[in-house]
Amino acid sequence: MKIVIRLVFILSFIMILSCSQKSDFSNGTWVDLSYDFSPETIYWPTADSFTHDSVFVGITEGGFYYTAYNFKAAEHGGTHIDAPIHFAEGRKSVDQLPLSQLIGEAIVIDVSEQALQNPDYLVVKGDFEKWENKNGKMPDNCIIFLKTGYGKFWPDRKTYMGTDKLGPEGVAELHFPGLHPDAANWLVDNRKIKAIGLDTPSIDYGQSKLFESHQNLFKNNIPAFENVANLDKLPEKDFIVFAFPMKIKDGSGGPLRIAAFIPKI
């Protein structure tokens, strides 16, 4: 039965990506995985906050309504992508990532029970094996999401990050879950994945000093999606993700509009 369901999902996925007339995305559910950008958006303690300043709002001399704004933002904040070049010299910048790597079948590894009890929790190889014991081996070329449960704290900076302090003092007091570097290496060596994301500010946990999970993934051109929203609305498997970052030339990352489509099977 599981094999039949799996085949149905794969066929549905192929139909959707083929853009046929029958694949109008009406037979399923969309889930927005991005937070909006505003003064409340959470950034790293050493980064500038998001600003959105009006250029013109109102009725013009010509008698029509018009609005325009300027915005300013760091590459890494809010729902965003870390491109491999962020922690790996000579690897891909955000504009160099192929769209095919940012679209694909996805799975959710739920570690919220452990992570909500321990803000310094590190996702380990055993968490992936537990998912596979239940669901079978993860699909080749999938996108992985780590659900820590921290999305429910957004946008409360102190609860979400462990501190609301800014600058180096804030960095020293960061506490939130992340991926263990050994688990990152295991994924690279034993599984084929397109990207990995989670509902915390960083793929490395808050107290990391060397950002080894970033390094281990990025040297293999595997990007990370950080501050991903609404992971609690996704199933463990059998859904499709579309992750489109701002195309910043030579960028180490950028704001990310990411969504999931859950086909009705």
Foldseek 3Di string as FASTA:
>chain_A
DLVVVVVVLVVLVVVLVVPDPVNPLPQFDKDWFFDDADQLWDDAQAFDHKDKAWPDAAADPVGDTDTDIDMDGDQATGWKKFWLCLQAPPFDAPLPQDQLLQKDWEFEQEPQVVFVVFLAAADALVSQVVLCVVNNHDDAAYEYEYENVLLVVPPVCCSQQVHPHHDPVSLQRGTHYAHDLVRLLCCVVPGHYSEYEYQHSANHGSNDDNNNSSNSQSNVRHMYTYNTHDPVVDHRTSKMKRKDFDNDVRHSMHHIGMMIIHGDD
